[in-house]
């Protein structure tokens, strides 16, 4: 579906009107499972690194550091996560 466009003219915009597009919000994340359920299937919540884990398996991950200092290692890690 095409996003609805609203045109607003700004006095500071000498080049012409500024167009703002209202984006469709992303789908909501599913509800979190109860801790008693998570405790029975911890492997589903283990992340690809020792310092990461899935909050919502396959959808939302958290970790101590968002990348690695070495660019090649970081690219390999990100590729492995995206390939899962």
N, C-alpha and C. Protein backbone atom coordinates (compact mmCIF):
# COMPACT_ATOMS: atom_id res chain seq x y z
N UNK A 1 0.84 -1.18 0.00
CA UNK A 1 0.00 0.00 0.00
C UNK A 1 0.88 1.23 0.00
N UNK A 2 0.52 2.22 -0.78
CA UNK A 2 1.30 3.44 -0.87
C UNK A 2 1.08 4.29 0.37
N UNK A 3 2.16 4.94 0.80
CA UNK A 3 2.06 5.80 1.98
C UNK A 3 1.39 7.10 1.60
N UNK A 4 0.55 7.61 2.49
CA UNK A 4 -0.12 8.89 2.25
C UNK A 4 0.90 10.00 2.37
N UNK A 5 0.87 10.98 1.47
CA UNK A 5 1.82 12.08 1.50
C UNK A 5 1.11 13.36 1.90
N UNK A 6 1.78 14.13 2.72
CA UNK A 6 1.26 15.43 3.13
C UNK A 6 2.32 16.45 2.75
N UNK A 7 1.96 17.48 2.01
CA UNK A 7 2.91 18.50 1.60
C UNK A 7 2.81 19.70 2.52
N UNK A 8 3.95 20.12 3.03
CA UNK A 8 4.01 21.27 3.92
C UNK A 8 5.06 22.23 3.37
N UNK A 9 4.73 23.48 3.23
CA UNK A 9 5.68 24.47 2.74
C UNK A 9 6.34 25.15 3.93
N UNK A 10 7.66 25.16 3.92
CA UNK A 10 8.43 25.79 4.99
C UNK A 10 9.01 27.09 4.48
N UNK A 11 8.94 28.18 5.26
CA UNK A 11 9.53 29.44 4.80
C UNK A 11 11.04 29.32 4.60
N UNK A 12 11.68 28.42 5.33
CA UNK A 12 13.12 28.25 5.21
C UNK A 12 13.50 27.43 3.98
N UNK A 13 12.54 26.76 3.37
CA UNK A 13 12.83 25.89 2.23
C UNK A 13 12.64 26.67 0.93
N UNK A 14 13.66 27.38 0.50
CA UNK A 14 13.58 28.20 -0.71
C UNK A 14 13.48 27.33 -1.96
N UNK A 15 13.92 26.09 -1.89
CA UNK A 15 13.94 25.21 -3.05
C UNK A 15 12.56 24.65 -3.37
N UNK A 16 11.60 24.79 -2.50
CA UNK A 16 10.26 24.27 -2.77
C UNK A 16 9.67 23.64 -1.53
N UNK A 17 8.50 23.03 -1.68
CA UNK A 17 7.82 22.44 -0.52
C UNK A 17 8.56 21.23 0.02
N UNK A 18 8.41 21.01 1.29
CA UNK A 18 8.97 19.84 1.96
C UNK A 18 7.86 18.80 2.06
N UNK A 19 8.15 17.57 1.67
CA UNK A 19 7.13 16.52 1.70
C UNK A 19 7.45 15.55 2.83
N UNK A 20 6.49 15.38 3.72
CA UNK A 20 6.61 14.41 4.81
C UNK A 20 5.71 13.23 4.48
N UNK A 21 6.21 12.05 4.62
CA UNK A 21 5.40 10.86 4.35
C UNK A 21 5.11 10.14 5.65
N UNK A 22 3.86 9.79 5.85
CA UNK A 22 3.48 9.00 7.01
C UNK A 22 3.72 7.54 6.67
N UNK A 23 4.59 6.91 7.41
CA UNK A 23 4.94 5.52 7.17
C UNK A 23 4.00 4.62 7.96
N UNK A 24 3.75 3.46 7.42
CA UNK A 24 2.98 2.45 8.15
C UNK A 24 3.87 1.90 9.24
N UNK A 25 3.43 1.86 10.49
CA UNK A 25 4.29 1.36 11.56
C UNK A 25 4.57 -0.13 11.36
N UNK A 26 5.74 -0.58 11.83
CA UNK A 26 6.05 -2.01 11.70
C UNK A 26 5.07 -2.83 12.54
N UNK A 27 4.93 -4.11 12.20
CA UNK A 27 4.02 -4.94 12.99
C UNK A 27 4.52 -5.04 14.44
N UNK A 28 3.60 -5.16 15.36
CA UNK A 28 3.96 -5.27 16.77
C UNK A 28 4.67 -6.59 17.02
N UNK A 29 5.56 -6.56 17.98
CA UNK A 29 6.23 -7.80 18.39
C UNK A 29 5.24 -8.68 19.14
N UNK A 30 5.41 -9.99 19.07
CA UNK A 30 4.50 -10.86 19.81
C UNK A 30 4.69 -10.69 21.31
N UNK A 31 3.72 -11.09 22.07
CA UNK A 31 3.80 -11.02 23.54
C UNK A 31 4.94 -11.91 24.03
N UNK A 32 5.57 -11.48 25.10
CA UNK A 32 6.63 -12.30 25.70
C UNK A 32 6.03 -13.50 26.38
N UNK A 33 6.76 -14.60 26.30
CA UNK A 33 6.30 -15.81 26.97
C UNK A 33 6.55 -15.67 28.47
N UNK A 34 5.77 -16.37 29.29
CA UNK A 34 6.03 -16.36 30.74
C UNK A 34 7.42 -16.91 31.05
N UNK A 35 8.05 -16.42 32.10
CA UNK A 35 9.38 -16.90 32.47
C UNK A 35 9.41 -18.40 32.70
N UNK A 36 8.33 -18.98 33.19
CA UNK A 36 8.30 -20.43 33.42
C UNK A 36 8.44 -21.19 32.09
N UNK A 37 7.90 -20.65 31.01
CA UNK A 37 8.02 -21.28 29.70
C UNK A 37 9.43 -21.07 29.15
N UNK A 38 9.96 -19.85 29.28
CA UNK A 38 11.31 -19.56 28.81
C UNK A 38 12.32 -20.45 29.51
N UNK A 39 12.14 -20.67 30.82
CA UNK A 39 13.07 -21.49 31.59
C UNK A 39 13.13 -22.93 31.07
N UNK A 40 12.05 -23.41 30.47
CA UNK A 40 12.03 -24.78 29.94
C UNK A 40 12.66 -24.90 28.56
N UNK A 41 12.84 -23.79 27.88
CA UNK A 41 13.43 -23.86 26.54
C UNK A 41 14.49 -22.77 26.35
N UNK A 42 15.47 -22.79 27.24
CA UNK A 42 16.51 -21.76 27.23
C UNK A 42 17.33 -21.75 25.94
N UNK A 43 17.49 -22.90 25.28
CA UNK A 43 18.29 -22.92 24.05
C UNK A 43 17.68 -22.04 22.97
N UNK A 44 16.37 -21.89 22.94
CA UNK A 44 15.72 -21.04 21.94
C UNK A 44 16.04 -19.56 22.18
N UNK A 45 16.45 -19.23 23.40
CA UNK A 45 16.73 -17.84 23.75
C UNK A 45 18.23 -17.54 23.77
N UNK A 46 19.08 -18.54 23.54
CA UNK A 46 20.53 -18.31 23.49
C UNK A 46 20.87 -17.60 22.19
N UNK A 47 21.70 -16.57 22.29
CA UNK A 47 22.10 -15.83 21.10
C UNK A 47 23.32 -16.44 20.44
N UNK A 48 23.75 -15.85 19.33
CA UNK A 48 24.90 -16.39 18.59
C UNK A 48 26.25 -16.08 19.23
N UNK A 49 26.28 -15.20 20.23
CA UNK A 49 27.52 -14.91 20.93
C UNK A 49 27.31 -15.19 22.41
N UNK A 50 28.41 -15.27 23.15
CA UNK A 50 28.32 -15.55 24.59
C UNK A 50 27.62 -14.43 25.36
N UNK A 51 27.59 -13.25 24.79
CA UNK A 51 27.02 -12.10 25.50
C UNK A 51 25.74 -11.58 24.86
N UNK A 52 25.03 -12.45 24.16
CA UNK A 52 23.77 -12.02 23.54
C UNK A 52 22.68 -13.04 23.83
N UNK A 53 21.46 -12.60 23.73
CA UNK A 53 20.34 -13.52 23.86
C UNK A 53 19.13 -12.94 23.12
N UNK A 54 18.23 -13.82 22.77
CA UNK A 54 17.00 -13.41 22.10
C UNK A 54 15.96 -13.05 23.14
N UNK A 55 15.37 -11.87 23.02
CA UNK A 55 14.23 -11.49 23.85
C UNK A 55 12.99 -12.13 23.24
N UNK A 56 12.87 -12.00 21.92
CA UNK A 56 11.84 -12.68 21.14
C UNK A 56 12.61 -13.47 20.08
N UNK A 57 12.69 -14.81 20.21
CA UNK A 57 13.51 -15.60 19.30
C UNK A 57 13.28 -15.25 17.82
N UNK A 58 14.40 -14.96 17.14
CA UNK A 58 14.36 -14.65 15.73
C UNK A 58 13.90 -13.24 15.38
N UNK A 59 13.51 -12.44 16.39
CA UNK A 59 12.97 -11.10 16.11
C UNK A 59 13.69 -9.98 16.85
N UNK A 60 14.01 -10.19 18.12
CA UNK A 60 14.59 -9.12 18.92
C UNK A 60 15.71 -9.68 19.78
N UNK A 61 16.95 -9.17 19.54
CA UNK A 61 18.13 -9.66 20.24
C UNK A 61 18.73 -8.54 21.07
N UNK A 62 19.33 -8.89 22.19
CA UNK A 62 20.07 -7.94 23.01
C UNK A 62 21.44 -8.52 23.29
N UNK A 63 22.37 -7.64 23.63
CA UNK A 63 23.72 -8.09 23.95
C UNK A 63 24.51 -6.98 24.62
N UNK A 64 25.73 -7.32 25.02
CA UNK A 64 26.57 -6.38 25.75
C UNK A 64 27.19 -5.34 24.83
N UNK A 65 27.45 -5.68 23.58
CA UNK A 65 28.12 -4.78 22.63
C UNK A 65 27.55 -5.06 21.25
N UNK A 66 27.20 -4.04 20.49
CA UNK A 66 26.53 -4.27 19.21
C UNK A 66 27.43 -4.74 18.08
N UNK A 67 28.68 -4.92 18.33
CA UNK A 67 29.58 -5.38 17.26
C UNK A 67 30.93 -5.74 17.81
N UNK A 68 31.86 -5.99 16.91
CA UNK A 68 33.23 -6.34 17.28
C UNK A 68 34.17 -5.26 16.78
N UNK A 69 35.28 -5.03 17.45
CA UNK A 69 36.22 -3.99 17.01
C UNK A 69 36.83 -4.28 15.62
N UNK A 70 37.05 -5.53 15.31
CA UNK A 70 37.64 -5.91 14.02
C UNK A 70 36.56 -5.97 12.95
N UNK A 71 36.72 -5.20 11.87
CA UNK A 71 35.69 -5.13 10.82
C UNK A 71 35.39 -6.48 10.18
N UNK A 72 36.42 -7.28 9.91
CA UNK A 72 36.21 -8.58 9.27
C UNK A 72 35.44 -9.53 10.19
N UNK A 73 35.81 -9.55 11.47
CA UNK A 73 35.10 -10.39 12.44
C UNK A 73 33.66 -9.91 12.61
N UNK A 74 33.47 -8.60 12.64
CA UNK A 74 32.14 -8.03 12.78
C UNK A 74 31.26 -8.42 11.59
N UNK A 75 31.79 -8.33 10.38
CA UNK A 75 31.04 -8.71 9.18
C UNK A 75 30.67 -10.19 9.21
N UNK A 76 31.60 -11.03 9.63
CA UNK A 76 31.32 -12.47 9.72
C UNK A 76 30.24 -12.75 10.76
N UNK A 77 30.31 -12.08 11.90
CA UNK A 77 29.31 -12.28 12.94
C UNK A 77 27.92 -11.84 12.47
N UNK A 78 27.85 -10.65 11.88
CA UNK A 78 26.57 -10.15 11.40
C UNK A 78 26.00 -11.06 10.31
N UNK A 79 26.86 -11.55 9.42
CA UNK A 79 26.39 -12.46 8.37
C UNK A 79 25.84 -13.75 8.97
N UNK A 80 26.51 -14.27 10.00
CA UNK A 80 26.04 -15.52 10.61
C UNK A 80 24.69 -15.31 11.31
N UNK A 81 24.50 -14.12 11.91
CA UNK A 81 23.23 -13.83 12.57
C UNK A 81 22.12 -13.70 11.53
N UNK A 82 22.38 -12.99 10.46
CA UNK A 82 21.38 -12.77 9.43
C UNK A 82 21.05 -14.04 8.65
N UNK A 83 21.99 -14.97 8.57
CA UNK A 83 21.76 -16.23 7.86
C UNK A 83 20.93 -17.21 8.66
N UNK A 84 20.80 -16.98 9.98
CA UNK A 84 20.05 -17.93 10.83
C UNK A 84 18.57 -17.85 10.57
